[in-house]
Structure formats: C-alpha cells, structure tokens
Amino acid sequence: MSTEYSGSGDPQRTIELLWGSQQRPKRGPKPRLTVEQIARTALEVADAEGLAALSMRRVADELGVATMSLYTYVPSKAELIDVMLDTVYGETARPEEVAGGWRARLEQIARENWALYHRHPWMLQIATSRPVMGPNLIAKYDYELRAVSGIGLTEVEMDSVVSLVAGHVEGAARRAVEAAQAEQHTGMTDEQWWAVHAPLLEKVLDASRYPTAARVGAAAGATYGAAHDPQHAFEFGLQRVLDGIEVLIQARAERPGPSGP
C-alpha cells in the first residue's frame, strides 16, 4: 500500500485551489467544472475503492471529460489530494458549547476525528507532516486549540496537547481500519480467526516459559474474543491520554505566580 504526501504539489497552485484565489478569465465560455465538483468526485472514488484507485484519468472518466481537460482545473494528483483532505476536514462537528470542561471538549474532538478516519480510511495512506494549509484545516485546528485555551497552558503546550490527542486517534484508527480490511480480504472476522488460531497456539505454547504472555494473552483473548479489540484500544488509550494531560494542567496550575516587590 503506497503512501501519498500532502503538501507535495505546486505551492502557489495549491494555495489558489484551497482558498479559491485563482483569477478566472473574464472572457470565454463558462467553465464546465468546478474544483469542488472534481474533489467530490475524487472523494467518491477514494471512499469506495481506496486511494490506489484514484487517478486523474479515473476522475475524468467519472466526470465524463477528457483527462487533459481536468488539468486545466487541477494541475496534478498531488494538488487534488490536498483539496480532498481539506474538504473532509470540514466535516467535523464543532459545537461551541460542550459540557464538562476541557476534558469533555478534547474527548468530543477525538471522537469526531475517529469517525472521520472511518468515513474516509484513505486518509491514513497520506503522510501529513507537511499539513494542508487550507481553510477547513485552519478552522479545525483553531477549534481544537480553543478546547484547551485559557486553562494555564502555553501556546506550544496547547499545540502539543492537540497533536497528542490527534496522534492517538490516528494510530488507533489505523489499527481499526486494518482490522476491518483484513475481514474484507479474508472473509473471516477477528472472532473467527481467533477461534481457529487460539486452540492451535495452546498446543505449542509453553506457558511455563512465557508465563506473563500466556496469562495476559489468555485474559485478553477471552475478553475480546480476538487478539485485539480496536474499539477498546481507542477508548482505553484516549482516557489515559486525557489523564496525562490532566496531570500537566494541574502542574501548571500549581506553578507559583510572579513574586511581589
């Protein structure tokens, strides 16, 4: 499974596409397509068949136009992927009021991102260390930062907290999507796989040699009915991440203020 990289297209054209700042010709026929229409069609392909099925030719075929005509709107697949990402970033719900303080706000954000990855699993095939600087990403980032604004963290700590939560969600979602795809490709659920493999492992595993692995593995297998439970991993990890953030916030609250004269 190949990896795509966000931010790898032409910077000027990407910004123009994301922010709609490209000047349209004043004369000539009205454009047949829009960038939004092209991006939506690309999303349909990626959602249904994965990122490997996405190409400029495939999108052009879906739109019923020649491939070369598509390049007059979007210069390459690299810019198209950036537009696709920024489009789906606009899907997350952003309620202004979330009862429960910063912890509930971060939990709501985590669940929105978890759901986003499940709606668009192709997102996990795109490396975003160079983020898409589009309006939807900026709005999403601003909203997520406001979840921890005014609670005693520095600006860098606020960014780090949001990134920490996002990183946990991405990792947990990756395992969950992989599990779902394994079922699709093999025709066997995790529970069915475990039912076959667990008895075979018991026959060859020397529990006295690996006592901890045998004890814990048996307990986990009995609980999950599988070797791993992606939903549990997401929920358990999220609460532990939030616990750690709470320790940081409490430490910042206990910092002595500036001394008097």
C-alpha atoms as a PDB file:
ATOM      1  CA  MET A   1       0.000   0.000   0.000  1.00  0.00           C
ATOM      2  CA  SER A   2       1.717   3.170  -1.209  1.00  0.00           C
ATOM      3  CA  THR A   3       1.881   6.394   0.767  1.00  0.00           C
ATOM      4  CA  GLU A   4       0.996   9.793  -0.629  1.00  0.00           C
ATOM      5  CA  TYR A   5       2.358  13.024   0.826  1.00  0.00           C
ATOM      6  CA  SER A   6       0.312  16.120   1.458  1.00  0.00           C
ATOM      7  CA  GLY A   7       1.857  19.444   0.530  1.00  0.00           C
ATOM      8  CA  SER A   8       3.905  17.933  -2.301  1.00  0.00           C
ATOM      9  CA  GLY A   9       2.241  19.843  -5.140  1.00  0.00           C
ATOM     10  CA  ASP A  10       2.997  23.279  -6.507  1.00  0.00           C
ATOM     11  CA  PRO A  11       2.664  25.655  -3.504  1.00  0.00           C
ATOM     12  CA  GLN A  12       1.178  28.576  -5.445  1.00  0.00           C
ATOM     13  CA  ARG A  13      -1.407  26.491  -7.274  1.00  0.00           C
ATOM     14  CA  THR A  14      -2.290  24.551  -4.124  1.00  0.00           C
ATOM     15  CA  ILE A  15      -3.000  27.710  -2.147  1.00  0.00           C
ATOM     16  CA  GLU A  16      -5.036  29.114  -5.020  1.00  0.00           C
ATOM     17  CA  LEU A  17      -7.111  25.956  -5.205  1.00  0.00           C
ATOM     18  CA  LEU A  18      -7.633  25.684  -1.453  1.00  0.00           C
ATOM     19  CA  TRP A  19      -8.552  29.300  -0.891  1.00  0.00           C
ATOM     20  CA  GLY A  20     -10.317  29.971  -4.202  1.00  0.00           C
ATOM     21  CA  SER A  21      -7.988  32.838  -5.009  1.00  0.00           C
ATOM     22  CA  GLN A  22      -7.264  31.884  -8.605  1.00  0.00           C
ATOM     23  CA  GLN A  23      -8.386  34.585 -11.031  1.00  0.00           C
ATOM     24  CA  ARG A  24     -10.949  33.419 -13.551  1.00  0.00           C
ATOM     25  CA  PRO A  25     -10.780  34.653 -17.120  1.00  0.00           C
ATOM     26  CA  LYS A  26     -13.258  37.459 -17.786  1.00  0.00           C
ATOM     27  CA  ARG A  27     -13.908  36.288 -21.321  1.00  0.00           C
ATOM     28  CA  GLY A  28     -14.569  32.954 -22.952  1.00  0.00           C
ATOM     29  CA  PRO A  29     -17.028  30.146 -22.189  1.00  0.00           C
ATOM     30  CA  LYS A  30     -18.134  29.418 -18.643  1.00  0.00           C
ATOM     31  CA  PRO A  31     -16.033  26.632 -17.059  1.00  0.00           C
ATOM     32  CA  ARG A  32     -17.760  23.280 -17.325  1.00  0.00           C
ATOM     33  CA  LEU A  33     -16.454  22.008 -13.990  1.00  0.00           C
ATOM     34  CA  THR A  34     -15.538  23.380 -10.590  1.00  0.00           C
ATOM     35  CA  VAL A  35     -12.698  22.369  -8.300  1.00  0.00           C
ATOM     36  CA  GLU A  36     -15.273  21.392  -5.665  1.00  0.00           C
ATOM     37  CA  GLN A  37     -17.029  19.116  -8.159  1.00  0.00           C
ATOM     38  CA  ILE A  38     -13.735  17.472  -9.096  1.00  0.00           C
ATOM     39  CA  ALA A  39     -12.771  16.994  -5.448  1.00  0.00           C
ATOM     40  CA  ARG A  40     -16.152  15.486  -4.568  1.00  0.00           C
ATOM     41  CA  THR A  41     -15.861  13.011  -7.421  1.00  0.00           C
ATOM     42  CA  ALA A  42     -12.344  12.077  -6.311  1.00  0.00           C
ATOM     43  CA  LEU A  43     -13.665  11.560  -2.777  1.00  0.00           C
ATOM     44  CA  GLU A  44     -16.320   9.170  -4.040  1.00  0.00           C
ATOM     45  CA  VAL A  45     -13.679   7.091  -5.795  1.00  0.00           C
ATOM     46  CA  ALA A  46     -11.321   7.046  -2.790  1.00  0.00           C
ATOM     47  CA  ASP A  47     -14.111   6.270  -0.299  1.00  0.00           C
ATOM     48  CA  ALA A  48     -15.424   3.393  -2.394  1.00  0.00           C
ATOM     49  CA  GLU A  49     -12.196   1.845  -3.690  1.00  0.00           C
ATOM     50  CA  GLY A  50      -9.283   3.327  -1.776  1.00  0.00           C
ATOM     51  CA  LEU A  51      -6.532   5.725  -2.716  1.00  0.00           C
ATOM     52  CA  ALA A  52      -4.884   3.225  -5.062  1.00  0.00           C
ATOM     53  CA  ALA A  53      -7.861   3.549  -7.414  1.00  0.00           C
ATOM     54  CA  LEU A  54      -7.558   7.325  -7.578  1.00  0.00           C
ATOM     55  CA  SER A  55      -6.004   8.912 -10.648  1.00  0.00           C
ATOM     56  CA  MET A  56      -6.654  11.952 -12.757  1.00  0.00           C
ATOM     57  CA  ARG A  57      -7.844   9.660 -15.545  1.00  0.00           C
ATOM     58  CA  ARG A  58     -10.276   7.875 -13.251  1.00  0.00           C
ATOM     59  CA  VAL A  59     -11.753  11.142 -12.009  1.00  0.00           C
ATOM     60  CA  ALA A  60     -12.046  12.434 -15.561  1.00  0.00           C
ATOM     61  CA  ASP A  61     -13.851   9.247 -16.595  1.00  0.00           C
ATOM     62  CA  GLU A  62     -16.281   9.601 -13.720  1.00  0.00           C
ATOM     63  CA  LEU A  63     -16.988  13.192 -14.753  1.00  0.00           C
ATOM     64  CA  GLY A  64     -17.276  12.270 -18.418  1.00  0.00           C
ATOM     65  CA  VAL A  65     -14.497  14.574 -19.611  1.00  0.00           C
ATOM     66  CA  ALA A  66     -11.106  14.117 -21.226  1.00  0.00           C
ATOM     67  CA  THR A  67      -8.232  13.656 -18.797  1.00  0.00           C
ATOM     68  CA  MET A  68      -6.308  16.609 -20.230  1.00  0.00           C
ATOM     69  CA  SER A  69      -9.253  18.932 -19.620  1.00  0.00           C
ATOM     70  CA  LEU A  70      -9.063  18.102 -15.912  1.00  0.00           C
ATOM     71  CA  TYR A  71      -5.560  19.550 -15.742  1.00  0.00           C
ATOM     72  CA  THR A  72      -6.928  22.992 -16.596  1.00  0.00           C
ATOM     73  CA  TYR A  73      -8.603  22.965 -13.174  1.00  0.00           C
ATOM     74  CA  VAL A  74      -6.215  20.896 -11.040  1.00  0.00           C
ATOM     75  CA  PRO A  75      -2.580  20.589 -12.177  1.00  0.00           C
ATOM     76  CA  SER A  76      -1.877  17.120 -10.739  1.00  0.00           C
ATOM     77  CA  LYS A  77      -2.922  14.399  -8.325  1.00  0.00           C
ATOM     78  CA  ALA A  78      -0.777  15.993  -5.592  1.00  0.00           C
ATOM     79  CA  GLU A  79      -2.860  19.177  -5.528  1.00  0.00           C
ATOM     80  CA  LEU A  80      -6.066  17.151  -5.841  1.00  0.00           C
ATOM     81  CA  ILE A  81      -5.206  15.150  -2.716  1.00  0.00           C
ATOM     82  CA  ASP A  82      -4.637  18.376  -0.771  1.00  0.00           C
ATOM     83  CA  VAL A  83      -8.049  19.663  -1.848  1.00  0.00           C
ATOM     84  CA  MET A  84      -9.634  16.331  -0.917  1.00  0.00           C
ATOM     85  CA  LEU A  85      -8.082  16.434   2.540  1.00  0.00           C
ATOM     86  CA  ASP A  86      -9.165  19.985   3.210  1.00  0.00           C
ATOM     87  CA  THR A  87     -12.666  19.132   2.020  1.00  0.00           C
ATOM     88  CA  VAL A  88     -13.115  16.288   4.504  1.00  0.00           C
ATOM     89  CA  TYR A  89     -11.555  18.338   7.305  1.00  0.00           C
ATOM     90  CA  GLY A  90     -14.658  20.500   7.019  1.00  0.00           C
ATOM     91  CA  GLU A  91     -16.887  17.591   8.074  1.00  0.00           C
ATOM     92  CA  THR A  92     -16.083  17.514  11.792  1.00  0.00           C
ATOM     93  CA  ALA A  93     -18.760  18.873  14.098  1.00  0.00           C
ATOM     94  CA  ARG A  94     -17.678  21.902  16.140  1.00  0.00           C
ATOM     95  CA  PRO A  95     -20.247  22.720  18.807  1.00  0.00           C
ATOM     96  CA  GLU A  96     -19.487  25.904  20.673  1.00  0.00           C
ATOM     97  CA  GLU A  97     -20.712  24.501  23.977  1.00  0.00           C
ATOM     98  CA  VAL A  98     -19.578  21.109  25.273  1.00  0.00           C
ATOM     99  CA  ALA A  99     -20.498  20.364  28.883  1.00  0.00           C
ATOM    100  CA  GLY A 100     -17.699  19.035  31.038  1.00  0.00           C
ATOM    101  CA  GLY A 101     -14.783  21.404  30.533  1.00  0.00           C
ATOM    102  CA  TRP A 102     -11.555  20.852  28.615  1.00  0.00           C
ATOM    103  CA  ARG A 103     -11.592  17.069  29.045  1.00  0.00           C
ATOM    104  CA  ALA A 104     -15.044  16.679  27.510  1.00  0.00           C
ATOM    105  CA  ARG A 105     -14.077  19.053  24.703  1.00  0.00           C
ATOM    106  CA  LEU A 106     -10.964  17.040  23.828  1.00  0.00           C
ATOM    107  CA  GLU A 107     -12.955  13.808  24.015  1.00  0.00           C
ATOM    108  CA  GLN A 108     -15.527  15.216  21.597  1.00  0.00           C
ATOM    109  CA  ILE A 109     -12.738  16.242  19.236  1.00  0.00           C
ATOM    110  CA  ALA A 110     -11.147  12.796  19.442  1.00  0.00           C
ATOM    111  CA  ARG A 111     -14.422  11.068  18.606  1.00  0.00           C
ATOM    112  CA  GLU A 112     -15.027  13.373  15.652  1.00  0.00           C
ATOM    113  CA  ASN A 113     -11.594  12.544  14.252  1.00  0.00           C
ATOM    114  CA  TRP A 114     -12.117   8.823  14.928  1.00  0.00           C
ATOM    115  CA  ALA A 115     -15.347   8.942  12.928  1.00  0.00           C
ATOM    116  CA  LEU A 116     -13.659  10.960  10.156  1.00  0.00           C
ATOM    117  CA  TYR A 117     -10.999   8.271   9.624  1.00  0.00           C
ATOM    118  CA  HIS A 118     -13.676   5.598   9.461  1.00  0.00           C
ATOM    119  CA  ARG A 119     -15.653   7.532   6.857  1.00  0.00           C
ATOM    120  CA  HIS A 120     -12.524   8.159   4.794  1.00  0.00           C
ATOM    121  CA  PRO A 121      -9.961   5.427   5.591  1.00  0.00           C
ATOM    122  CA  TRP A 122      -7.812   6.535   2.631  1.00  0.00           C
ATOM    123  CA  MET A 123      -6.726   9.450   4.814  1.00  0.00           C
ATOM    124  CA  LEU A 124      -4.470   7.027   6.668  1.00  0.00           C
ATOM    125  CA  GLN A 125      -2.464   6.499   3.483  1.00  0.00           C
ATOM    126  CA  ILE A 126      -1.458  10.159   3.353  1.00  0.00           C
ATOM    127  CA  ALA A 127       1.522  11.452   5.326  1.00  0.00           C
ATOM    128  CA  THR A 128       0.554  14.880   6.656  1.00  0.00           C
ATOM    129  CA  SER A 129       3.743  16.033   8.359  1.00  0.00           C
ATOM    130  CA  ARG A 130       3.508  18.938   5.908  1.00  0.00           C
ATOM    131  CA  PRO A 131      -0.100  19.864   6.569  1.00  0.00           C
ATOM    132  CA  VAL A 132      -2.627  21.105   4.071  1.00  0.00           C
ATOM    133  CA  MET A 133      -2.844  24.848   4.682  1.00  0.00           C
ATOM    134  CA  GLY A 134      -6.465  25.133   3.612  1.00  0.00           C
ATOM    135  CA  PRO A 135      -9.372  26.996   5.205  1.00  0.00           C
ATOM    136  CA  ASN A 136     -11.048  23.885   6.616  1.00  0.00           C
ATOM    137  CA  LEU A 137      -7.865  22.620   8.270  1.00  0.00           C
ATOM    138  CA  ILE A 138      -7.146  26.041   9.757  1.00  0.00           C
ATOM    139  CA  ALA A 139     -10.728  26.284  11.086  1.00  0.00           C
ATOM    140  CA  LYS A 140     -10.490  22.759  12.522  1.00  0.00           C
ATOM    141  CA  TYR A 141      -7.129  23.491  14.147  1.00  0.00           C
ATOM    142  CA  ASP A 142      -8.423  26.747  15.616  1.00  0.00           C
ATOM    143  CA  TYR A 143     -11.457  24.985  17.086  1.00  0.00           C
ATOM    144  CA  GLU A 144      -9.373  22.204  18.593  1.00  0.00           C
ATOM    145  CA  LEU A 145      -6.948  24.665  20.160  1.00  0.00           C
ATOM    146  CA  ARG A 146      -9.823  26.538  21.770  1.00  0.00           C
ATOM    147  CA  ALA A 147     -10.680  23.348  23.648  1.00  0.00           C
ATOM    148  CA  VAL A 148      -7.590  23.916  25.808  1.00  0.00           C
ATOM    149  CA  SER A 149      -7.440  27.696  25.702  1.00  0.00           C
ATOM    150  CA  GLY A 150      -7.388  29.600  28.981  1.00  0.00           C
ATOM    151  CA  ILE A 151      -6.529  26.630  31.221  1.00  0.00           C
ATOM    152  CA  GLY A 152      -2.962  27.628  32.013  1.00  0.00           C
ATOM    153  CA  LEU A 153      -1.029  26.068  29.137  1.00  0.00           C
ATOM    154  CA  THR A 154       1.464  27.881  26.968  1.00  0.00           C
ATOM    155  CA  GLU A 155       0.807  28.195  23.255  1.00  0.00           C
ATOM    156  CA  VAL A 156       3.317  25.437  22.487  1.00  0.00           C
ATOM    157  CA  GLU A 157       1.733  23.183  25.117  1.00  0.00           C
ATOM    158  CA  MET A 158      -1.699  23.812  23.612  1.00  0.00           C
ATOM    159  CA  ASP A 159      -0.404  22.737  20.210  1.00  0.00           C
ATOM    160  CA  SER A 160       1.317  19.698  21.743  1.00  0.00           C
ATOM    161  CA  VAL A 161      -1.833  18.601  23.578  1.00  0.00           C
ATOM    162  CA  VAL A 162      -3.951  18.796  20.426  1.00  0.00           C
ATOM    163  CA  SER A 163      -1.263  16.930  18.483  1.00  0.00           C
ATOM    164  CA  LEU A 164      -1.045  14.257  21.204  1.00  0.00           C
ATOM    165  CA  VAL A 165      -4.773  13.550  21.043  1.00  0.00           C
ATOM    166  CA  ALA A 166      -4.736  13.588  17.244  1.00  0.00           C
ATOM    167  CA  GLY A 167      -1.795  11.177  17.185  1.00  0.00           C
ATOM    168  CA  HIS A 168      -3.559   8.701  19.439  1.00  0.00           C
ATOM    169  CA  VAL A 169      -6.705   8.822  17.323  1.00  0.00           C
ATOM    170  CA  GLU A 170      -4.771   8.314  14.098  1.00  0.00           C
ATOM    171  CA  GLY A 171      -2.880   5.318  15.456  1.00  0.00           C
ATOM    172  CA  ALA A 172      -5.997   3.692  16.913  1.00  0.00           C
ATOM    173  CA  ALA A 173      -7.966   4.350  13.734  1.00  0.00           C
ATOM    174  CA  ARG A 174      -5.215   2.777  11.652  1.00  0.00           C
ATOM    175  CA  ARG A 175      -5.457  -0.455  13.657  1.00  0.00           C
ATOM    176  CA  ALA A 176      -9.247  -0.408  13.408  1.00  0.00           C
ATOM    177  CA  VAL A 177      -9.256   0.153   9.649  1.00  0.00           C
ATOM    178  CA  GLU A 178      -6.641  -2.561   9.164  1.00  0.00           C
ATOM    179  CA  ALA A 179      -8.812  -4.980  11.149  1.00  0.00           C
ATOM    180  CA  ALA A 180     -11.861  -4.142   9.041  1.00  0.00           C
ATOM    181  CA  GLN A 181      -9.899  -4.523   5.825  1.00  0.00           C
ATOM    182  CA  ALA A 182      -8.481  -7.859   6.987  1.00  0.00           C
ATOM    183  CA  GLU A 183     -12.013  -9.140   7.419  1.00  0.00           C
ATOM    184  CA  GLN A 184     -12.970  -7.933   3.944  1.00  0.00           C
ATOM    185  CA  HIS A 185      -9.927  -9.517   2.309  1.00  0.00           C
ATOM    186  CA  THR A 186     -10.018 -12.828   4.161  1.00  0.00           C
ATOM    187  CA  GLY A 187     -13.754 -13.297   4.646  1.00  0.00           C
ATOM    188  CA  MET A 188     -13.071 -14.103   8.300  1.00  0.00           C
ATOM    189  CA  THR A 189     -13.873 -11.932  11.331  1.00  0.00           C
ATOM    190  CA  ASP A 190     -11.332 -11.459  14.117  1.00  0.00           C
ATOM    191  CA  GLU A 191     -13.500 -13.656  16.324  1.00  0.00           C
ATOM    192  CA  GLN A 192     -13.494 -16.444  13.728  1.00  0.00           C
ATOM    193  CA  TRP A 193      -9.739 -16.101  13.231  1.00  0.00           C
ATOM    194  CA  TRP A 194      -9.130 -16.286  16.965  1.00  0.00           C
ATOM    195  CA  ALA A 195     -11.413 -19.307  17.350  1.00  0.00           C
ATOM    196  CA  VAL A 196      -9.228 -21.172  14.856  1.00  0.00           C
ATOM    197  CA  HIS A 197      -5.801 -19.992  15.968  1.00  0.00           C
ATOM    198  CA  ALA A 198      -6.154 -19.845  19.769  1.00  0.00           C
ATOM    199  CA  PRO A 199      -6.550 -23.649  20.246  1.00  0.00           C
ATOM    200  CA  LEU A 200      -3.620 -24.291  17.900  1.00  0.00           C
ATOM    201  CA  LEU A 201      -1.421 -21.865  19.821  1.00  0.00           C
ATOM    202  CA  GLU A 202      -2.319 -23.526  23.121  1.00  0.00           C
ATOM    203  CA  LYS A 203      -0.920 -26.803  21.826  1.00  0.00           C
ATOM    204  CA  VAL A 204       2.528 -25.400  21.072  1.00  0.00           C
ATOM    205  CA  LEU A 205       2.893 -22.610  23.633  1.00  0.00           C
ATOM    206  CA  ASP A 206       4.954 -23.485  26.708  1.00  0.00           C
ATOM    207  CA  ALA A 207       3.208 -21.404  29.364  1.00  0.00           C
ATOM    208  CA  SER A 208       5.996 -22.044  31.870  1.00  0.00           C
ATOM    209  CA  ARG A 209       8.497 -20.393  29.525  1.00  0.00           C
ATOM    210  CA  TYR A 210       6.330 -17.360  28.810  1.00  0.00           C
ATOM    211  CA  PRO A 211       4.130 -17.161  31.915  1.00  0.00           C
ATOM    212  CA  THR A 212       3.241 -13.492  31.694  1.00  0.00           C
ATOM    213  CA  ALA A 213       2.408 -13.574  27.992  1.00  0.00           C
ATOM    214  CA  ALA A 214       0.360 -16.747  28.477  1.00  0.00           C
ATOM    215  CA  ARG A 215      -1.617 -15.343  31.407  1.00  0.00           C
ATOM    216  CA  VAL A 216      -2.264 -11.885  29.964  1.00  0.00           C
ATOM    217  CA  GLY A 217      -2.822 -13.121  26.427  1.00  0.00           C
ATOM    218  CA  ALA A 218      -5.406 -15.638  27.617  1.00  0.00           C
ATOM    219  CA  ALA A 219      -7.247 -12.980  29.620  1.00  0.00           C
ATOM    220  CA  ALA A 220      -7.253 -10.525  26.710  1.00  0.00           C
ATOM    221  CA  GLY A 221      -8.341 -13.185  24.237  1.00  0.00           C
ATOM    222  CA  ALA A 222     -11.190 -14.267  26.495  1.00  0.00           C
ATOM    223  CA  THR A 223     -12.307 -10.645  26.930  1.00  0.00           C
ATOM    224  CA  TYR A 224     -12.084  -9.568  23.293  1.00  0.00           C
ATOM    225  CA  GLY A 225     -12.842 -12.885  21.614  1.00  0.00           C
ATOM    226  CA  ALA A 226      -9.880 -11.897  19.429  1.00  0.00           C
ATOM    227  CA  ALA A 227      -6.225 -10.974  19.676  1.00  0.00           C
ATOM    228  CA  HIS A 228      -7.035  -7.275  19.670  1.00  0.00           C
ATOM    229  CA  ASP A 229     -10.051  -5.006  20.078  1.00  0.00           C
ATOM    230  CA  PRO A 230      -9.565  -1.707  18.164  1.00  0.00           C
ATOM    231  CA  GLN A 231     -12.539  -0.015  19.838  1.00  0.00           C
ATOM    232  CA  HIS A 232     -11.247  -0.867  23.306  1.00  0.00           C
ATOM    233  CA  ALA A 233      -7.756   0.307  22.347  1.00  0.00           C
ATOM    234  CA  PHE A 234      -9.166   3.653  21.223  1.00  0.00           C
ATOM    235  CA  GLU A 235     -11.305   4.141  24.332  1.00  0.00           C
ATOM    236  CA  PHE A 236      -8.687   2.962  26.824  1.00  0.00           C
ATOM    237  CA  GLY A 237      -5.898   4.958  25.194  1.00  0.00           C
ATOM    238  CA  LEU A 238      -7.989   8.113  24.952  1.00  0.00           C
ATOM    239  CA  GLN A 239      -8.738   8.111  28.663  1.00  0.00           C
ATOM    240  CA  ARG A 240      -5.076   7.529  29.533  1.00  0.00           C
ATOM    241  CA  VAL A 241      -4.003  10.366  27.222  1.00  0.00           C
ATOM    242  CA  LEU A 242      -6.545  12.665  28.885  1.00  0.00           C
ATOM    243  CA  ASP A 243      -5.315  11.552  32.320  1.00  0.00           C
ATOM    244  CA  GLY A 244      -1.782  12.575  31.338  1.00  0.00           C
ATOM    245  CA  ILE A 245      -2.955  15.942  30.054  1.00  0.00           C
ATOM    246  CA  GLU A 246      -4.783  16.481  33.351  1.00  0.00           C
ATOM    247  CA  VAL A 247      -1.509  15.953  35.233  1.00  0.00           C
ATOM    248  CA  LEU A 248       0.130  18.608  33.051  1.00  0.00           C
ATOM    249  CA  ILE A 249      -2.705  21.069  33.631  1.00  0.00           C
ATOM    250  CA  GLN A 250      -2.596  20.510  37.380  1.00  0.00           C
ATOM    251  CA  ALA A 251       1.168  21.038  37.384  1.00  0.00           C
ATOM    252  CA  ARG A 252       0.750  24.327  35.519  1.00  0.00           C
ATOM    253  CA  ALA A 253      -1.947  25.427  37.975  1.00  0.00           C
ATOM    254  CA  GLU A 254       0.434  24.808  40.869  1.00  0.00           C
ATOM    255  CA  ARG A 255       3.193  26.967  39.394  1.00  0.00           C
ATOM    256  CA  PRO A 256       3.957  29.889  41.725  1.00  0.00           C
ATOM    257  CA  GLY A 257       2.994  33.249  40.306  1.00  0.00           C
ATOM    258  CA  PRO A 258       5.417  36.135  39.950  1.00  0.00           C
ATOM    259  CA  SER A 259       6.819  37.247  43.306  1.00  0.00           C
ATOM    260  CA  GLY A 260       5.897  40.616  44.678  1.00  0.00           C
ATOM    261  CA  PRO A 261       8.285  43.559  45.168  1.00  0.00           C
END
